[in-house]
Amino acid sequence: MDGNQSARTQAAVDAAAIIDELRALEDRKSAIAARQARLGVALDLVRRREQAALGLPPDQLGAGVGAEVALARRESPANGSRLLGLARALVTEMPHTLAALDTGLLNEWRATLLVRETACLDSADRAAVDEELAADTGTFDGAGDRAIISAAKAAAYRHDPRSVTQRAAHAETERSVSLRPAPDTMCYLTALLPVAAGVAAYAALTRHADTARATGDTRSRGQVMADALVERVTGTPGGITGIEVQLVMTDRTLLAGDSEPARLAGYGVVPAGWARKLVAGKGDNPGLKTWIRRLYTAPGTGELIGMDSRARLFPAGLRRFIEARDNTCRTPYCDAPIRHLDHIVPWYRGGETTAANGAGLCEACNHTKEAPGWTARPVNRTDFAIRHILELTTPTGHAYFSVPPPLPGVRLKPRLLIREGQTLVLRGVPGSLSRRKQLKRRIATDAVPRAG
């Protein structure tokens, strides 16, 4: 065997070893997911017993468990609740699917698909479908997501056609419209519609675009459809007029041509030039009326200068101030839109209606905070060059910290807050620029049990 053949043989051996390790790691990930499911159900049982002993009504038992799971797994509260629901279904009703996950025959996503497509069934029928499909015997080996969904739907319909039909009818009540950011100051406006309505709307936009193009419109077909959608929804050529857009930017960006990006409420970071065009009325919609709201930051920390109120409810000005500071829900790992302005220390316990004691939360996180065993407090530390710190403690005593995202023009080194005994310690975070960018949205540590 010559040198070249030997090198090729060694490369083939190395490649085979890489593939074997990749498969072994994937199997291990699935087994870990199965273990996490069992632990989630165990935590749920413990919490339900504790809450029942406290006299909570049956419909409130298990409150806050999904959020605890989310924090431990570094997920949003919404994903935490989904993961807990998945765990309950696997552990209590679908042993074959759980066994397949345990042995690596299914990954967590495909186990989720089986759980999702049998969600309309009662416990007995769901268990029967689980036994019929028997994922732990390798029935889905080589199957893709669509094949798994089709098999689960067919089996569910065989066992309980009425529930499956009712589920389809109920789905119409879930219709909604959502908005999420896209790159380059664009966004996705998404509508979840019954199939007939969705097809009809798309067909109408398509016909309009085809007609416009046939009569010489130079815009692309997609551009015509997008413009027509906006005009038909708003009733105004070119879009909306007369709506306040809250744009947070430095005076240097506004007046001196600085390149520091701005922040658009409800969207995120936008380029400095785009922000100046919007303020000057030369943006995507030149007819858009704009107002400039001045917000000032404290030197060194970048903290927005606060304002106080003696009222129980946050007045409009203070509400806008906190929303501009927090941007999204302040619970670690949750970036849902702010729906509630919350007193961190509750008003009925003497908490003041101030910027320091206020936090923007989504509705679910605000309710979770009131569950038994949960506490929250603002951390006022003059020895930290850091902005508004919120400490959230779960019933197990694990503490999580968050600060609002940096405002335009503020360049702070990333920090992690950790608890050492009764002392909070601020540590620098080494790493590359990309690592620092990952951490600038919110600072949230691994769970650290509180002493005492």
Protein backbone atom coordinates (compact mmCIF):
# COMPACT_ATOMS: atom_id res chain seq x y z
CA MET A 1 0.00 0.00 0.00
CA ASP A 2 1.54 3.32 -1.04
CA GLY A 3 1.46 6.51 1.00
CA ASN A 4 -1.55 7.96 -0.83
CA GLN A 5 -3.63 4.84 -0.29
CA SER A 6 -2.69 4.79 3.38
CA ALA A 7 -3.74 8.43 3.79
CA ARG A 8 -7.07 7.77 2.03
CA THR A 9 -7.73 4.76 4.24
CA GLN A 10 -6.94 6.75 7.39
CA ALA A 11 -9.23 9.58 6.20
CA ALA A 12 -12.05 7.07 5.64
CA VAL A 13 -11.53 5.64 9.12
CA ASP A 14 -11.54 9.13 10.63
CA ALA A 15 -14.72 10.06 8.73
CA ALA A 16 -16.44 6.87 9.91
CA ALA A 17 -15.44 7.64 13.49
CA ILE A 18 -16.88 11.16 13.15
CA ILE A 19 -20.20 9.80 11.87
CA ASP A 20 -20.32 7.21 14.66
CA GLU A 21 -19.75 9.89 17.28
CA LEU A 22 -22.36 12.18 15.71
CA ARG A 23 -24.94 9.37 15.91
CA ALA A 24 -23.93 8.51 19.49
CA LEU A 25 -24.28 12.15 20.55
CA GLU A 26 -27.69 12.39 18.87
CA ASP A 27 -28.84 9.28 20.75
CA ARG A 28 -27.56 10.82 23.96
CA LYS A 29 -29.45 14.06 23.29
CA SER A 30 -32.67 12.08 22.89
CA ALA A 31 -32.02 10.16 26.11
CA ILE A 32 -31.36 13.42 27.94
CA ALA A 33 -34.64 14.84 26.59
CA ALA A 34 -36.46 11.79 27.96
CA ARG A 35 -34.81 12.30 31.34
CA GLN A 36 -35.79 15.97 31.33
CA ALA A 37 -39.38 14.94 30.61
CA ARG A 38 -39.44 12.64 33.65
CA LEU A 39 -37.90 15.34 35.84
CA GLY A 40 -40.44 17.89 34.64
CA VAL A 41 -43.34 15.62 35.62
CA ALA A 42 -41.71 14.90 38.98
CA LEU A 43 -41.40 18.65 39.68
CA ASP A 44 -45.03 19.14 38.65
CA LEU A 45 -46.19 16.48 41.12
CA VAL A 46 -44.16 18.03 43.96
CA ARG A 47 -45.54 21.51 43.27
CA ARG A 48 -49.14 20.26 43.04
CA ARG A 49 -48.86 18.53 46.42
CA GLU A 50 -47.37 21.66 48.00
CA GLN A 51 -50.02 23.93 46.51
CA ALA A 52 -52.85 21.59 47.49
CA ALA A 53 -51.55 21.64 51.07
CA LEU A 54 -51.70 25.46 50.94
CA GLY A 55 -55.38 25.25 50.01
CA LEU A 56 -55.19 26.39 46.40
CA PRO A 57 -58.23 25.44 44.29
CA PRO A 58 -57.78 22.52 41.86
CA ASP A 59 -57.73 24.73 38.77
CA GLN A 60 -54.70 26.64 40.13
CA LEU A 61 -52.57 23.63 41.01
CA GLY A 62 -49.34 23.51 39.05
CA ALA A 63 -49.13 27.29 38.62
CA GLY A 64 -45.62 28.45 37.84
CA VAL A 65 -44.16 25.01 37.09
CA GLY A 66 -43.81 25.69 33.39
CA ALA A 67 -41.91 28.90 34.17
CA GLU A 68 -39.56 27.02 36.53
CA VAL A 69 -38.85 24.48 33.80
CA ALA A 70 -38.25 27.32 31.34
CA LEU A 71 -35.72 29.10 33.53
CA ALA A 72 -33.85 25.87 34.26
CA ARG A 73 -33.68 25.03 30.55
CA ARG A 74 -32.93 28.60 29.44
CA GLU A 75 -36.19 28.78 27.49
CA SER A 76 -39.00 31.31 27.32
CA PRO A 77 -41.96 30.72 29.67
CA ALA A 78 -44.15 29.83 26.68
CA ASN A 79 -41.69 27.13 25.61
CA GLY A 80 -41.41 25.97 29.22
CA SER A 81 -45.15 25.34 29.38
CA ARG A 82 -45.02 23.51 26.05
CA LEU A 83 -42.15 21.32 27.25
CA LEU A 84 -44.03 20.53 30.47
CA GLY A 85 -47.13 19.55 28.49
CA LEU A 86 -44.98 17.33 26.28
CA ALA A 87 -43.46 15.71 29.38
CA ARG A 88 -46.86 14.98 30.95
CA ALA A 89 -48.13 13.35 27.77
CA LEU A 90 -45.02 11.21 27.29
CA VAL A 91 -44.68 10.04 30.89
CA THR A 92 -48.34 9.44 31.73
CA GLU A 93 -49.97 8.47 28.42
CA MET A 94 -47.42 7.56 25.72
CA PRO A 95 -44.85 5.06 27.09
CA HIS A 96 -43.88 3.73 23.65
CA THR A 97 -43.02 7.19 22.38
CA LEU A 98 -41.08 7.91 25.58
CA ALA A 99 -39.15 4.65 25.19
CA ALA A 100 -38.32 5.56 21.57
CA LEU A 101 -37.02 8.92 22.76
CA ASP A 102 -35.04 7.21 25.50
CA THR A 103 -33.27 4.91 23.03
CA GLY A 104 -32.71 7.49 20.29
CA LEU A 105 -35.27 6.10 17.82
CA LEU A 106 -37.03 9.49 17.98
CA ASN A 107 -35.65 12.93 18.73
CA GLU A 108 -37.47 15.44 20.91
CA TRP A 109 -39.03 17.29 17.98
CA ARG A 110 -40.54 14.16 16.43
CA ALA A 111 -41.83 13.03 19.81
CA THR A 112 -43.43 16.47 20.03
CA LEU A 113 -45.16 15.89 16.68
CA LEU A 114 -46.71 12.64 17.92
CA VAL A 115 -47.90 14.34 21.10
CA ARG A 116 -49.27 17.32 19.18
CA GLU A 117 -51.26 15.27 16.68
CA THR A 118 -52.92 13.23 19.46
CA ALA A 119 -53.69 16.19 21.72
CA CYS A 120 -57.43 16.08 20.93
CA LEU A 121 -57.79 12.50 22.20
CA ASP A 122 -58.62 11.41 25.72
CA SER A 123 -56.03 9.51 27.74
CA ALA A 124 -57.26 6.05 26.74
CA ASP A 125 -57.37 6.79 23.01
CA ARG A 126 -54.02 8.53 23.09
CA ALA A 127 -52.49 5.49 24.80
CA ALA A 128 -54.09 3.25 22.17
CA VAL A 129 -52.59 5.32 19.34
CA ASP A 130 -49.23 5.20 21.08
CA GLU A 131 -49.44 1.41 21.27
CA GLU A 132 -50.57 1.10 17.64
CA LEU A 133 -47.71 3.21 16.30
CA ALA A 134 -45.18 1.66 18.71
CA ALA A 135 -42.36 4.06 17.90
CA ASP A 136 -40.02 2.11 20.17
CA THR A 137 -40.04 -0.81 17.71
CA GLY A 138 -38.51 1.34 14.95
CA THR A 139 -41.73 1.95 12.99
CA PHE A 140 -40.57 5.50 12.21
CA ASP A 141 -36.99 4.62 11.33
CA GLY A 142 -36.15 6.70 8.27
CA ALA A 143 -39.49 8.56 8.35
CA GLY A 144 -39.56 12.34 7.96
CA ASP A 145 -41.73 14.82 9.83
CA ARG A 146 -44.58 14.67 7.31
CA ALA A 147 -44.73 10.87 7.42
CA ILE A 148 -44.90 10.92 11.21
CA ILE A 149 -47.63 13.57 11.21
CA SER A 150 -49.67 11.65 8.64
CA ALA A 151 -49.39 8.38 10.58
CA ALA A 152 -50.39 10.05 13.85
CA LYS A 153 -53.35 11.85 12.25
CA ALA A 154 -54.62 8.68 10.60
CA ALA A 155 -54.35 6.67 13.81
CA ALA A 156 -56.05 9.40 15.83
CA TYR A 157 -58.92 9.55 13.37
CA ARG A 158 -59.38 5.76 13.49
CA HIS A 159 -59.67 5.80 17.27
CA ASP A 160 -61.82 8.93 17.70
CA PRO A 161 -63.04 10.52 14.45
CA ARG A 162 -65.44 12.82 16.27
CA SER A 163 -62.73 14.48 18.39
CA VAL A 164 -60.47 14.94 15.37
CA THR A 165 -63.32 16.54 13.43
CA GLN A 166 -64.17 18.82 16.37
CA ARG A 167 -60.53 19.81 16.62
CA ALA A 168 -60.53 20.90 13.00
CA ALA A 169 -63.69 22.93 13.56
CA HIS A 170 -62.25 24.50 16.70
CA ALA A 171 -59.07 25.49 14.86
CA GLU A 172 -60.96 28.37 13.21
CA THR A 173 -61.24 30.05 16.61
CA GLU A 174 -57.42 30.22 16.72
CA ARG A 175 -57.20 32.62 13.75
CA SER A 176 -54.91 35.53 14.47
CA VAL A 177 -52.43 38.04 13.07
CA SER A 178 -48.86 38.44 14.33
CA LEU A 179 -45.85 40.62 13.61
CA ARG A 180 -42.18 39.74 13.98
CA PRO A 181 -38.96 41.45 12.89
CA ALA A 182 -37.06 40.54 9.72
CA PRO A 183 -33.58 41.70 8.67
CA ASP A 184 -32.91 45.12 7.14
CA THR A 185 -35.80 47.07 8.73
CA MET A 186 -38.37 44.67 7.30
CA CYS A 187 -40.95 42.61 9.17
CA TYR A 188 -43.20 39.58 8.74
CA LEU A 189 -46.94 40.24 9.04
CA THR A 190 -48.45 36.77 9.39
CA ALA A 191 -52.10 35.75 9.42
CA LEU A 192 -53.33 32.36 10.64
CA LEU A 193 -56.60 31.83 8.74
CA PRO A 194 -59.04 29.09 7.82
CA VAL A 195 -57.79 27.56 4.60
CA ALA A 196 -60.68 28.87 2.46
CA ALA A 197 -60.16 32.45 3.65
CA GLY A 198 -56.40 32.24 3.20
CA VAL A 199 -56.63 30.85 -0.32
CA ALA A 200 -59.22 33.47 -1.29
CA ALA A 201 -57.08 36.36 0.05
CA TYR A 202 -53.98 35.09 -1.74
CA ALA A 203 -55.90 34.59 -4.98
CA ALA A 204 -57.27 38.14 -4.84
CA LEU A 205 -53.79 39.61 -4.35
CA THR A 206 -52.43 37.41 -7.14
CA ARG A 207 -55.11 38.55 -9.60
CA HIS A 208 -54.47 42.17 -8.70
CA ALA A 209 -50.72 41.75 -9.25
CA ASP A 210 -51.21 39.99 -12.59
CA THR A 211 -53.51 42.78 -13.78
CA ALA A 212 -51.10 45.50 -12.67
CA ARG A 213 -48.14 43.82 -14.35
CA ALA A 214 -50.13 43.31 -17.56
CA THR A 215 -50.88 47.04 -17.71
CA GLY A 216 -47.22 48.02 -17.40
CA ASP A 217 -46.56 48.27 -13.64
CA THR A 218 -42.78 47.97 -13.23
CA ARG A 219 -42.89 46.60 -9.70
CA SER A 220 -42.29 42.89 -9.20
CA ARG A 221 -45.26 40.61 -8.65
CA GLY A 222 -44.38 40.22 -4.97
CA GLN A 223 -44.02 43.98 -4.50
CA VAL A 224 -47.44 44.65 -6.04
CA MET A 225 -49.05 42.02 -3.79
CA ALA A 226 -47.38 43.43 -0.66
CA ASP A 227 -48.33 47.03 -1.48
CA ALA A 228 -51.90 46.02 -2.29
CA LEU A 229 -52.20 44.17 1.02
CA VAL A 230 -51.12 47.23 3.01
CA GLU A 231 -53.39 49.59 1.05
CA ARG A 232 -56.43 47.34 1.32
CA VAL A 233 -55.98 46.76 5.05
CA THR A 234 -55.27 50.40 5.98
CA GLY A 235 -57.47 52.07 3.39
CA THR A 236 -54.66 54.52 2.67
CA PRO A 237 -52.40 54.47 -0.40
CA GLY A 238 -48.91 53.72 0.88
CA GLY A 239 -50.01 52.60 4.34
CA ILE A 240 -50.79 54.13 7.74
CA THR A 241 -50.74 57.82 8.63
CA GLY A 242 -51.05 59.59 11.94
CA ILE A 243 -49.65 56.88 14.22
CA GLU A 244 -46.99 57.51 16.86
CA VAL A 245 -43.75 55.63 16.28
CA GLN A 246 -41.54 55.44 19.38
CA LEU A 247 -37.96 55.68 18.17
CA VAL A 248 -35.15 55.74 20.74
CA MET A 249 -31.95 57.29 19.42
CA THR A 250 -29.09 59.49 20.61
CA ASP A 251 -28.91 63.19 19.85
CA ARG A 252 -25.67 62.47 17.99
CA THR A 253 -27.48 60.07 15.67
CA LEU A 254 -30.35 62.50 15.12
CA LEU A 255 -28.44 65.74 14.68
CA ALA A 256 -24.78 64.98 13.98
CA GLY A 257 -24.92 62.12 11.51
CA ASP A 258 -23.54 59.59 14.02
CA SER A 259 -23.64 55.91 13.04
CA GLU A 260 -24.96 54.67 16.40
CA PRO A 261 -28.09 52.56 15.64
CA ALA A 262 -31.50 53.50 17.01
CA ARG A 263 -34.19 51.28 18.51
CA LEU A 264 -37.75 51.12 17.20
CA ALA A 265 -40.31 50.00 19.78
CA GLY A 266 -41.94 46.73 18.79
CA TYR A 267 -39.23 45.94 16.25
CA GLY A 268 -35.67 46.30 17.54
CA VAL A 269 -32.42 47.87 16.33
CA VAL A 270 -32.53 49.91 13.11
CA PRO A 271 -29.71 51.66 11.18
CA ALA A 272 -28.96 55.28 12.05
CA GLY A 273 -29.54 56.53 8.50
CA TRP A 274 -32.92 54.81 8.27
CA ALA A 275 -33.96 56.35 11.61
CA ARG A 276 -33.00 59.86 10.48
CA LYS A 277 -35.00 59.41 7.27
CA LEU A 278 -38.04 58.32 9.29
CA VAL A 279 -37.83 61.35 11.61
CA ALA A 280 -37.38 63.64 8.59
CA GLY A 281 -40.48 62.19 6.93
CA LYS A 282 -38.49 60.59 4.11
CA GLY A 283 -38.88 56.93 5.10
CA ASP A 284 -40.93 54.16 3.53
CA ASN A 285 -44.07 56.25 4.04
CA PRO A 286 -43.32 59.97 3.52
CA GLY A 287 -46.79 60.90 4.78
CA LEU A 288 -46.22 59.34 8.21
CA LYS A 289 -46.56 61.89 11.01
CA THR A 290 -43.74 61.64 13.54
CA TRP A 291 -43.12 63.02 17.03
CA ILE A 292 -39.75 63.23 18.78
CA ARG A 293 -39.80 62.12 22.42
CA ARG A 294 -36.55 62.97 24.21
CA LEU A 295 -35.17 60.33 26.56
CA TYR A 296 -31.95 60.96 28.46
CA THR A 297 -29.50 58.45 29.90
CA ALA A 298 -27.28 58.75 32.96
CA PRO A 299 -23.53 58.98 32.25
CA GLY A 300 -21.61 55.74 32.81
CA THR A 301 -24.52 53.37 33.32
CA GLY A 302 -26.79 54.22 30.41
CA GLU A 303 -29.77 54.12 32.82
CA LEU A 304 -32.76 56.13 31.66
CA ILE A 305 -33.37 58.93 34.14
CA GLY A 306 -36.48 57.97 36.07
CA MET A 307 -39.66 59.64 37.17
CA ASP A 308 -41.85 58.93 40.21
CA SER A 309 -45.57 58.74 40.87
CA ARG A 310 -47.74 58.47 43.98
CA ALA A 311 -50.49 56.71 42.06
CA ARG A 312 -51.13 52.98 42.21
CA LEU A 313 -51.39 52.72 38.42
CA PHE A 314 -48.47 53.77 36.27
CA PRO A 315 -49.37 57.07 34.55
CA ALA A 316 -49.04 57.29 30.79
CA GLY A 317 -45.67 59.06 30.79
CA LEU A 318 -44.06 56.65 33.24
CA ARG A 319 -45.59 53.71 31.38
CA ARG A 320 -43.99 54.84 28.11
CA PHE A 321 -40.71 55.41 29.94
CA ILE A 322 -40.59 51.83 31.33
CA GLU A 323 -41.66 50.33 28.01
CA ALA A 324 -38.86 52.23 26.26
CA ARG A 325 -36.33 51.06 28.87
CA ASP A 326 -37.34 47.38 29.03
CA ASN A 327 -38.34 46.89 25.36
CA THR A 328 -39.72 43.34 25.96
CA CYS A 329 -40.77 41.21 28.93
CA ARG A 330 -38.13 41.36 31.68
CA THR A 331 -38.34 37.69 32.68
CA PRO A 332 -35.04 35.99 31.71
CA TYR A 333 -35.21 34.24 28.30
CA CYS A 334 -38.68 35.70 27.58
CA ASP A 335 -38.81 38.26 24.79
CA ALA A 336 -42.60 38.47 24.48
CA PRO A 337 -44.16 41.92 24.02
CA ILE A 338 -44.87 43.91 27.19
CA ARG A 339 -48.55 43.66 28.15
CA HIS A 340 -48.49 44.58 31.86
CA LEU A 341 -46.62 47.25 33.79
CA ASP A 342 -45.78 45.48 37.05
CA HIS A 343 -44.81 46.69 40.52
CA ILE A 344 -41.77 44.52 41.27
CA VAL A 345 -42.48 44.91 44.99
CA PRO A 346 -46.30 44.80 44.96
CA TRP A 347 -48.15 48.02 45.69
CA TYR A 348 -50.16 46.37 48.47
CA ARG A 349 -46.86 45.55 50.20
CA GLY A 350 -45.62 49.11 50.06
CA GLY A 351 -44.04 49.00 46.63
CA GLU A 352 -43.79 52.43 45.04
CA THR A 353 -45.01 53.43 41.59
CA THR A 354 -41.57 54.36 40.30
CA ALA A 355 -39.31 53.51 37.42
CA ALA A 356 -37.01 51.63 39.82
CA ASN A 357 -39.89 49.48 41.11
CA GLY A 358 -41.53 49.03 37.72
CA ALA A 359 -40.95 46.37 35.12
CA GLY A 360 -42.54 45.48 31.81
CA LEU A 361 -43.87 41.91 31.74
CA CYS A 362 -45.95 39.80 29.39
CA GLU A 363 -49.30 38.64 30.76
CA ALA A 364 -48.17 35.07 31.48
CA CYS A 365 -45.04 36.12 33.38
CA ASN A 366 -46.99 38.62 35.47
CA HIS A 367 -49.37 35.86 36.58
CA THR A 368 -46.49 33.45 37.25
CA LYS A 369 -44.81 36.00 39.52
CA GLU A 370 -47.87 35.83 41.81
CA ALA A 371 -47.72 32.04 42.22
CA PRO A 372 -46.80 30.68 45.68
CA GLY A 373 -43.09 30.74 46.45
CA TRP A 374 -42.10 33.25 43.74
CA THR A 375 -40.50 36.56 44.73
CA ALA A 376 -39.10 39.49 42.81
CA ARG A 377 -37.14 42.54 43.87
CA PRO A 378 -35.17 45.37 42.31
CA VAL A 379 -31.46 45.23 43.13
CA ASN A 380 -30.17 48.70 43.95
CA ARG A 381 -26.38 48.47 43.95
CA THR A 382 -24.41 51.67 43.63
CA ASP A 383 -21.16 49.69 43.33
CA PHE A 384 -22.24 48.20 39.98
CA ALA A 385 -21.91 50.26 36.80
CA ILE A 386 -25.00 48.48 35.52
CA ARG A 387 -28.55 49.47 34.73
CA HIS A 388 -31.85 48.50 36.39
CA ILE A 389 -31.33 45.01 37.88
CA LEU A 390 -34.27 42.69 38.52
CA GLU A 391 -33.85 39.56 40.67
CA LEU A 392 -36.44 36.79 40.28
CA THR A 393 -36.43 33.91 42.77
CA THR A 394 -38.31 30.65 42.20
CA PRO A 395 -39.85 28.41 44.91
CA THR A 396 -36.68 26.30 45.03
CA GLY A 397 -34.62 29.36 45.97
CA HIS A 398 -32.84 29.63 42.63
CA ALA A 399 -32.20 33.24 41.69
CA TYR A 400 -32.21 34.66 38.15
CA PHE A 401 -31.20 38.17 37.16
CA SER A 402 -31.98 40.40 34.22
CA VAL A 403 -31.21 43.92 33.07
CA PRO A 404 -32.90 45.75 30.19
CA PRO A 405 -31.15 45.80 26.81
CA PRO A 406 -28.55 48.53 26.22
CA LEU A 407 -29.94 51.76 24.84
CA PRO A 408 -28.54 53.37 21.70
CA GLY A 409 -25.22 55.05 22.35
CA VAL A 410 -24.41 52.98 25.45
CA ARG A 411 -21.44 50.63 25.27
CA LEU A 412 -21.15 48.52 28.41
CA LYS A 413 -18.98 45.46 28.84
CA PRO A 414 -21.10 42.33 29.31
CA ARG A 415 -21.51 41.26 32.92
CA LEU A 416 -22.91 38.28 34.72
CA LEU A 417 -24.50 38.60 38.14
CA ILE A 418 -23.95 35.62 40.39
CA ARG A 419 -24.73 35.02 44.03
CA GLU A 420 -22.02 33.97 46.43
CA GLY A 421 -23.74 33.33 49.73
CA GLN A 422 -25.61 36.54 50.57
CA THR A 423 -23.45 38.65 48.25
CA LEU A 424 -24.05 39.57 44.64
CA VAL A 425 -20.90 39.53 42.54
CA LEU A 426 -20.51 41.17 39.14
CA ARG A 427 -18.10 39.38 36.84
CA GLY A 428 -16.84 40.31 33.41
CA VAL A 429 -17.61 38.01 30.54
CA PRO A 430 -14.58 37.21 28.37
CA GLY A 431 -14.99 36.18 24.78
CA SER A 432 -15.32 37.31 21.21
CA LEU A 433 -17.50 40.07 19.85
CA SER A 434 -20.12 37.53 18.76
CA ARG A 435 -20.32 36.21 22.34
CA ARG A 436 -20.78 39.74 23.65
CA LYS A 437 -23.55 40.34 21.13
CA GLN A 438 -25.33 37.22 22.35
CA LEU A 439 -25.26 38.53 25.90
CA LYS A 440 -26.25 42.13 25.33
CA ARG A 441 -29.99 41.38 24.96
CA ARG A 442 -30.42 40.29 28.55
CA ILE A 443 -28.15 39.13 31.33
CA ALA A 444 -29.46 35.93 32.88
CA THR A 445 -27.24 33.58 34.85
CA ASP A 446 -27.49 29.88 35.47
CA ALA A 447 -29.70 29.25 38.46
CA VAL A 448 -27.82 29.87 41.70
CA PRO A 449 -29.51 28.76 44.95
CA ARG A 450 -29.88 31.58 47.42
CA ALA A 451 -28.30 31.09 50.81
CA GLY A 452 -30.46 31.21 53.90
